[in-house]
Amino acid sequence: MSADFIIGLAGQALYTILKASAPMLVIALVVGLIVSVFQATTQIQEQTLAFVPKIVAVFYPLLYLVPGS
């Protein structure tokens, strides 16, 4: 096993991780932005309002995107 092989394998592993996690990260980003705008316009500063919708929004697509479900 050469250094080039290990570096290539590590690069492929990182790319696979990014491809697998990108849909959930994008969903969390969009939901977080929507919740932040809602909090700014209504001046509600509840901390759980920022986390609970993101957790729920990432959980449901995760059920459909994971193979074997």
PDB file of N, CA and C in Angstrom:
ATOM      1  N   MET A   1       0.841  -1.174   0.000  1.00  0.00           N
ATOM      2  CA  MET A   1       0.000   0.000   0.000  1.00  0.00           C
ATOM      3  C   MET A   1       0.891   1.244   0.000  1.00  0.00           C
ATOM      4  N   SER A   2       0.709   2.033  -1.029  1.00  0.00           N
ATOM      5  CA  SER A   2       1.519   3.238  -1.148  1.00  0.00           C
ATOM      6  C   SER A   2       0.769   4.429  -0.552  1.00  0.00           C
ATOM      7  N   ALA A   3       1.493   5.514  -0.431  1.00  0.00           N
ATOM      8  CA  ALA A   3       0.905   6.734   0.122  1.00  0.00           C
ATOM      9  C   ALA A   3      -0.155   7.283  -0.822  1.00  0.00           C
ATOM     10  N   ASP A   4       0.062   7.159  -2.125  1.00  0.00           N
ATOM     11  CA  ASP A   4      -0.928   7.646  -3.089  1.00  0.00           C
ATOM     12  C   ASP A   4      -2.254   6.895  -2.961  1.00  0.00           C
ATOM     13  N   PHE A   5      -2.175   5.598  -2.728  1.00  0.00           N
ATOM     14  CA  PHE A   5      -3.387   4.800  -2.575  1.00  0.00           C
ATOM     15  C   PHE A   5      -4.167   5.231  -1.336  1.00  0.00           C
ATOM     16  N   ILE A   6      -3.458   5.433  -0.234  1.00  0.00           N
ATOM     17  CA  ILE A   6      -4.110   5.838   1.022  1.00  0.00           C
ATOM     18  C   ILE A   6      -4.750   7.219   0.870  1.00  0.00           C
ATOM     19  N   ILE A   7      -4.052   8.153   0.223  1.00  0.00           N
ATOM     20  CA  ILE A   7      -4.589   9.498   0.028  1.00  0.00           C
ATOM     21  C   ILE A   7      -5.819   9.452  -0.878  1.00  0.00           C
ATOM     22  N   GLY A   8      -5.769   8.657  -1.924  1.00  0.00           N
ATOM     23  CA  GLY A   8      -6.931   8.507  -2.801  1.00  0.00           C
ATOM     24  C   GLY A   8      -8.108   7.884  -2.094  1.00  0.00           C
ATOM     25  N   LEU A   9      -7.846   6.877  -1.273  1.00  0.00           N
ATOM     26  CA  LEU A   9      -8.909   6.223  -0.513  1.00  0.00           C
ATOM     27  C   LEU A   9      -9.543   7.190   0.487  1.00  0.00           C
ATOM     28  N   ALA A  10      -8.717   7.995   1.144  1.00  0.00           N
ATOM     29  CA  ALA A  10      -9.241   8.977   2.094  1.00  0.00           C
ATOM     30  C   ALA A  10     -10.070  10.038   1.374  1.00  0.00           C
ATOM     31  N   GLY A  11      -9.632  10.447   0.204  1.00  0.00           N
ATOM     32  CA  GLY A  11     -10.396  11.426  -0.580  1.00  0.00           C
ATOM     33  C   GLY A  11     -11.744  10.876  -1.006  1.00  0.00           C
ATOM     34  N   GLN A  12     -11.775   9.617  -1.436  1.00  0.00           N
ATOM     35  CA  GLN A  12     -13.038   8.996  -1.814  1.00  0.00           C
ATOM     36  C   GLN A  12     -13.968   8.840  -0.612  1.00  0.00           C
ATOM     37  N   ALA A  13     -13.406   8.541   0.543  1.00  0.00           N
ATOM     38  CA  ALA A  13     -14.215   8.402   1.752  1.00  0.00           C
ATOM     39  C   ALA A  13     -14.851   9.735   2.137  1.00  0.00           C
ATOM     40  N   LEU A  14     -14.083  10.820   2.072  1.00  0.00           N
ATOM     41  CA  LEU A  14     -14.629  12.139   2.397  1.00  0.00           C
ATOM     42  C   LEU A  14     -15.711  12.545   1.403  1.00  0.00           C
ATOM     43  N   TYR A  15     -15.492  12.240   0.130  1.00  0.00           N
ATOM     44  CA  TYR A  15     -16.490  12.568  -0.891  1.00  0.00           C
ATOM     45  C   TYR A  15     -17.784  11.787  -0.648  1.00  0.00           C
ATOM     46  N   THR A  16     -17.672  10.535  -0.279  1.00  0.00           N
ATOM     47  CA  THR A  16     -18.851   9.713  -0.003  1.00  0.00           C
ATOM     48  C   THR A  16     -19.609  10.239   1.215  1.00  0.00           C
ATOM     49  N   ILE A  17     -18.887  10.635   2.238  1.00  0.00           N
ATOM     50  CA  ILE A  17     -19.521  11.196   3.435  1.00  0.00           C
ATOM     51  C   ILE A  17     -20.262  12.488   3.098  1.00  0.00           C
ATOM     52  N   LEU A  18     -19.646  13.336   2.278  1.00  0.00           N
ATOM     53  CA  LEU A  18     -20.301  14.580   1.889  1.00  0.00           C
ATOM     54  C   LEU A  18     -21.548  14.321   1.051  1.00  0.00           C
ATOM     55  N   LYS A  19     -21.470  13.353   0.132  1.00  0.00           N
ATOM     56  CA  LYS A  19     -22.643  13.024  -0.678  1.00  0.00           C
ATOM     57  C   LYS A  19     -23.778  12.467   0.171  1.00  0.00           C
ATOM     58  N   ALA A  20     -23.452  11.692   1.184  1.00  0.00           N
ATOM     59  CA  ALA A  20     -24.477  11.086   2.025  1.00  0.00           C
ATOM     60  C   ALA A  20     -25.108  12.092   2.982  1.00  0.00           C
ATOM     61  N   SER A  21     -24.341  13.052   3.446  1.00  0.00           N
ATOM     62  CA  SER A  21     -24.868  13.983   4.446  1.00  0.00           C
ATOM     63  C   SER A  21     -25.387  15.289   3.849  1.00  0.00           C
ATOM     64  N   ALA A  22     -25.125  15.556   2.593  1.00  0.00           N
ATOM     65  CA  ALA A  22     -25.525  16.831   1.981  1.00  0.00           C
ATOM     66  C   ALA A  22     -27.036  17.071   2.015  1.00  0.00           C
ATOM     67  N   PRO A  23     -27.873  16.094   1.686  1.00  0.00           N
ATOM     68  CA  PRO A  23     -29.325  16.398   1.731  1.00  0.00           C
ATOM     69  C   PRO A  23     -29.813  16.831   3.116  1.00  0.00           C
ATOM     70  N   MET A  24     -29.353  16.155   4.152  1.00  0.00           N
ATOM     71  CA  MET A  24     -29.784  16.523   5.496  1.00  0.00           C
ATOM     72  C   MET A  24     -29.229  17.884   5.916  1.00  0.00           C
ATOM     73  N   LEU A  25     -28.007  18.189   5.511  1.00  0.00           N
ATOM     74  CA  LEU A  25     -27.423  19.480   5.862  1.00  0.00           C
ATOM     75  C   LEU A  25     -28.144  20.626   5.162  1.00  0.00           C
ATOM     76  N   VAL A  26     -28.516  20.422   3.905  1.00  0.00           N
ATOM     77  CA  VAL A  26     -29.243  21.459   3.173  1.00  0.00           C
ATOM     78  C   VAL A  26     -30.623  21.676   3.787  1.00  0.00           C
ATOM     79  N   ILE A  27     -31.300  20.601   4.142  1.00  0.00           N
ATOM     80  CA  ILE A  27     -32.618  20.720   4.775  1.00  0.00           C
ATOM     81  C   ILE A  27     -32.503  21.459   6.106  1.00  0.00           C
ATOM     82  N   ALA A  28     -31.506  21.106   6.913  1.00  0.00           N
ATOM     83  CA  ALA A  28     -31.310  21.789   8.200  1.00  0.00           C
ATOM     84  C   ALA A  28     -30.986  23.261   7.999  1.00  0.00           C
ATOM     85  N   LEU A  29     -30.214  23.578   6.964  1.00  0.00           N
ATOM     86  CA  LEU A  29     -29.878  24.972   6.676  1.00  0.00           C
ATOM     87  C   LEU A  29     -31.115  25.770   6.296  1.00  0.00           C
ATOM     88  N   VAL A  30     -31.958  25.223   5.430  1.00  0.00           N
ATOM     89  CA  VAL A  30     -33.155  25.931   4.983  1.00  0.00           C
ATOM     90  C   VAL A  30     -34.140  26.108   6.139  1.00  0.00           C
ATOM     91  N   VAL A  31     -34.361  25.056   6.909  1.00  0.00           N
ATOM     92  CA  VAL A  31     -35.293  25.153   8.045  1.00  0.00           C
ATOM     93  C   VAL A  31     -34.748  26.124   9.093  1.00  0.00           C
ATOM     94  N   GLY A  32     -33.453  26.091   9.339  1.00  0.00           N
ATOM     95  CA  GLY A  32     -32.854  27.024  10.289  1.00  0.00           C
ATOM     96  C   GLY A  32     -33.002  28.469   9.847  1.00  0.00           C
ATOM     97  N   LEU A  33     -32.862  28.704   8.549  1.00  0.00           N
ATOM     98  CA  LEU A  33     -33.032  30.057   8.028  1.00  0.00           C
ATOM     99  C   LEU A  33     -34.468  30.533   8.168  1.00  0.00           C
ATOM    100  N   ILE A  34     -35.409  29.648   7.859  1.00  0.00           N
ATOM    101  CA  ILE A  34     -36.823  30.009   7.999  1.00  0.00           C
ATOM    102  C   ILE A  34     -37.172  30.300   9.452  1.00  0.00           C
ATOM    103  N   VAL A  35     -36.692  29.469  10.371  1.00  0.00           N
ATOM    104  CA  VAL A  35     -36.977  29.679  11.798  1.00  0.00           C
ATOM    105  C   VAL A  35     -36.317  30.965  12.290  1.00  0.00           C
ATOM    106  N   SER A  36     -35.125  31.256  11.819  1.00  0.00           N
ATOM    107  CA  SER A  36     -34.446  32.482  12.232  1.00  0.00           C
ATOM    108  C   SER A  36     -35.187  33.727  11.765  1.00  0.00           C
ATOM    109  N   VAL A  37     -35.668  33.691  10.540  1.00  0.00           N
ATOM    110  CA  VAL A  37     -36.449  34.831  10.036  1.00  0.00           C
ATOM    111  C   VAL A  37     -37.744  34.969  10.834  1.00  0.00           C
ATOM    112  N   PHE A  38     -38.388  33.844  11.135  1.00  0.00           N
ATOM    113  CA  PHE A  38     -39.602  33.881  11.952  1.00  0.00           C
ATOM    114  C   PHE A  38     -39.316  34.460  13.336  1.00  0.00           C
ATOM    115  N   GLN A  39     -38.224  34.044  13.947  1.00  0.00           N
ATOM    116  CA  GLN A  39     -37.886  34.562  15.278  1.00  0.00           C
ATOM    117  C   GLN A  39     -37.550  36.044  15.224  1.00  0.00           C
ATOM    118  N   ALA A  40     -36.896  36.470  14.168  1.00  0.00           N
ATOM    119  CA  ALA A  40     -36.542  37.884  14.067  1.00  0.00           C
ATOM    120  C   ALA A  40     -37.767  38.762  13.848  1.00  0.00           C
ATOM    121  N   THR A  41     -38.709  38.270  13.062  1.00  0.00           N
ATOM    122  CA  THR A  41     -39.890  39.095  12.800  1.00  0.00           C
ATOM    123  C   THR A  41     -40.848  39.122  13.984  1.00  0.00           C
ATOM    124  N   THR A  42     -40.954  38.040  14.720  1.00  0.00           N
ATOM    125  CA  THR A  42     -41.869  38.007  15.860  1.00  0.00           C
ATOM    126  C   THR A  42     -41.183  38.331  17.179  1.00  0.00           C
ATOM    127  N   GLN A  43     -39.888  38.450  17.177  1.00  0.00           N
ATOM    128  CA  GLN A  43     -39.072  38.736  18.358  1.00  0.00           C
ATOM    129  C   GLN A  43     -39.262  37.690  19.455  1.00  0.00           C
ATOM    130  N   ILE A  44     -39.479  36.455  19.045  1.00  0.00           N
ATOM    131  CA  ILE A  44     -39.528  35.336  19.987  1.00  0.00           C
ATOM    132  C   ILE A  44     -38.105  34.806  20.130  1.00  0.00           C
ATOM    133  N   GLN A  45     -37.579  34.757  21.328  1.00  0.00           N
ATOM    134  CA  GLN A  45     -36.204  34.319  21.542  1.00  0.00           C
ATOM    135  C   GLN A  45     -36.148  32.996  22.295  1.00  0.00           C
ATOM    136  N   GLU A  46     -36.994  32.076  21.930  1.00  0.00           N
ATOM    137  CA  GLU A  46     -37.024  30.757  22.564  1.00  0.00           C
ATOM    138  C   GLU A  46     -35.971  29.866  21.907  1.00  0.00           C
ATOM    139  N   GLN A  47     -35.080  29.277  22.711  1.00  0.00           N
ATOM    140  CA  GLN A  47     -33.988  28.475  22.176  1.00  0.00           C
ATOM    141  C   GLN A  47     -34.466  27.160  21.579  1.00  0.00           C
ATOM    142  N   THR A  48     -35.493  26.556  22.167  1.00  0.00           N
ATOM    143  CA  THR A  48     -35.965  25.275  21.639  1.00  0.00           C
ATOM    144  C   THR A  48     -36.625  25.443  20.280  1.00  0.00           C
ATOM    145  N   LEU A  49     -37.133  26.622  19.987  1.00  0.00           N
ATOM    146  CA  LEU A  49     -37.739  26.876  18.685  1.00  0.00           C
ATOM    147  C   LEU A  49     -36.710  26.794  17.564  1.00  0.00           C
ATOM    148  N   ALA A  50     -35.449  27.000  17.882  1.00  0.00           N
ATOM    149  CA  ALA A  50     -34.404  26.926  16.863  1.00  0.00           C
ATOM    150  C   ALA A  50     -33.992  25.484  16.575  1.00  0.00           C
ATOM    151  N   PHE A  51     -34.056  24.602  17.561  1.00  0.00           N
ATOM    152  CA  PHE A  51     -33.524  23.250  17.390  1.00  0.00           C
ATOM    153  C   PHE A  51     -34.568  22.202  17.032  1.00  0.00           C
ATOM    154  N   VAL A  52     -35.725  22.259  17.621  1.00  0.00           N
ATOM    155  CA  VAL A  52     -36.733  21.220  17.426  1.00  0.00           C
ATOM    156  C   VAL A  52     -37.187  21.122  15.970  1.00  0.00           C
ATOM    157  N   PRO A  53     -37.504  22.220  15.281  1.00  0.00           N
ATOM    158  CA  PRO A  53     -37.904  22.074  13.874  1.00  0.00           C
ATOM    159  C   PRO A  53     -36.796  21.498  12.992  1.00  0.00           C
ATOM    160  N   LYS A  54     -35.543  21.855  13.274  1.00  0.00           N
ATOM    161  CA  LYS A  54     -34.440  21.306  12.483  1.00  0.00           C
ATOM    162  C   LYS A  54     -34.286  19.812  12.714  1.00  0.00           C
ATOM    163  N   ILE A  55     -34.429  19.377  13.946  1.00  0.00           N
ATOM    164  CA  ILE A  55     -34.308  17.947  14.247  1.00  0.00           C
ATOM    165  C   ILE A  55     -35.419  17.168  13.555  1.00  0.00           C
ATOM    166  N   VAL A  56     -36.633  17.682  13.631  1.00  0.00           N
ATOM    167  CA  VAL A  56     -37.769  17.012  12.990  1.00  0.00           C
ATOM    168  C   VAL A  56     -37.620  17.030  11.474  1.00  0.00           C
ATOM    169  N   ALA A  57     -37.187  18.158  10.915  1.00  0.00           N
ATOM    170  CA  ALA A  57     -37.055  18.279   9.469  1.00  0.00           C
ATOM    171  C   ALA A  57     -35.965  17.373   8.919  1.00  0.00           C
ATOM    172  N   VAL A  58     -34.939  17.082   9.681  1.00  0.00           N
ATOM    173  CA  VAL A  58     -33.874  16.193   9.226  1.00  0.00           C
ATOM    174  C   VAL A  58     -34.255  14.734   9.462  1.00  0.00           C
ATOM    175  N   PHE A  59     -35.047  14.461  10.475  1.00  0.00           N
ATOM    176  CA  PHE A  59     -35.403  13.088  10.817  1.00  0.00           C
ATOM    177  C   PHE A  59     -36.253  12.429   9.738  1.00  0.00           C
ATOM    178  N   TYR A  60     -37.266  13.138   9.248  1.00  0.00           N
ATOM    179  CA  TYR A  60     -38.182  12.525   8.289  1.00  0.00           C
ATOM    180  C   TYR A  60     -37.526  12.200   6.944  1.00  0.00           C
ATOM    181  N   PRO A  61     -36.771  13.098   6.327  1.00  0.00           N
ATOM    182  CA  PRO A  61     -36.090  12.690   5.072  1.00  0.00           C
ATOM    183  C   PRO A  61     -35.057  11.596   5.302  1.00  0.00           C
ATOM    184  N   LEU A  62     -34.487  11.547   6.485  1.00  0.00           N
ATOM    185  CA  LEU A  62     -33.516  10.515   6.800  1.00  0.00           C
ATOM    186  C   LEU A  62     -34.154   9.141   6.732  1.00  0.00           C
ATOM    187  N   LEU A  63     -35.424   9.055   7.114  1.00  0.00           N
ATOM    188  CA  LEU A  63     -36.137   7.785   7.030  1.00  0.00           C
ATOM    189  C   LEU A  63     -36.278   7.310   5.590  1.00  0.00           C
ATOM    190  N   TYR A  64     -36.420   8.245   4.656  1.00  0.00           N
ATOM    191  CA  TYR A  64     -36.633   7.883   3.258  1.00  0.00           C
ATOM    192  C   TYR A  64     -35.332   7.768   2.476  1.00  0.00           C
ATOM    193  N   LEU A  65     -34.271   8.451   2.895  1.00  0.00           N
ATOM    194  CA  LEU A  65     -33.024   8.443   2.145  1.00  0.00           C
ATOM    195  C   LEU A  65     -32.075   7.314   2.550  1.00  0.00           C
ATOM    196  N   VAL A  66     -32.289   6.728   3.713  1.00  0.00           N
ATOM    197  CA  VAL A  66     -31.425   5.636   4.163  1.00  0.00           C
ATOM    198  C   VAL A  66     -31.857   4.358   3.446  1.00  0.00           C
ATOM    199  N   PRO A  67     -30.909   3.675   2.826  1.00  0.00           N
ATOM    200  CA  PRO A  67     -31.281   2.428   2.119  1.00  0.00           C
ATOM    201  C   PRO A  67     -31.823   1.373   3.083  1.00  0.00           C
ATOM    202  N   GLY A  68     -32.775   0.610   2.607  1.00  0.00           N
ATOM    203  CA  GLY A  68     -33.332  -0.464   3.405  1.00  0.00           C
ATOM    204  C   GLY A  68     -34.490  -0.053   4.286  1.00  0.00           C
ATOM    205  N   SER A  69     -34.944   1.181   4.145  1.00  0.00           N
ATOM    206  CA  SER A  69     -36.067   1.617   4.988  1.00  0.00           C
ATOM    207  C   SER A  69     -37.365   1.590   4.221  1.00  0.00           C
TER     208      SER A  69
END
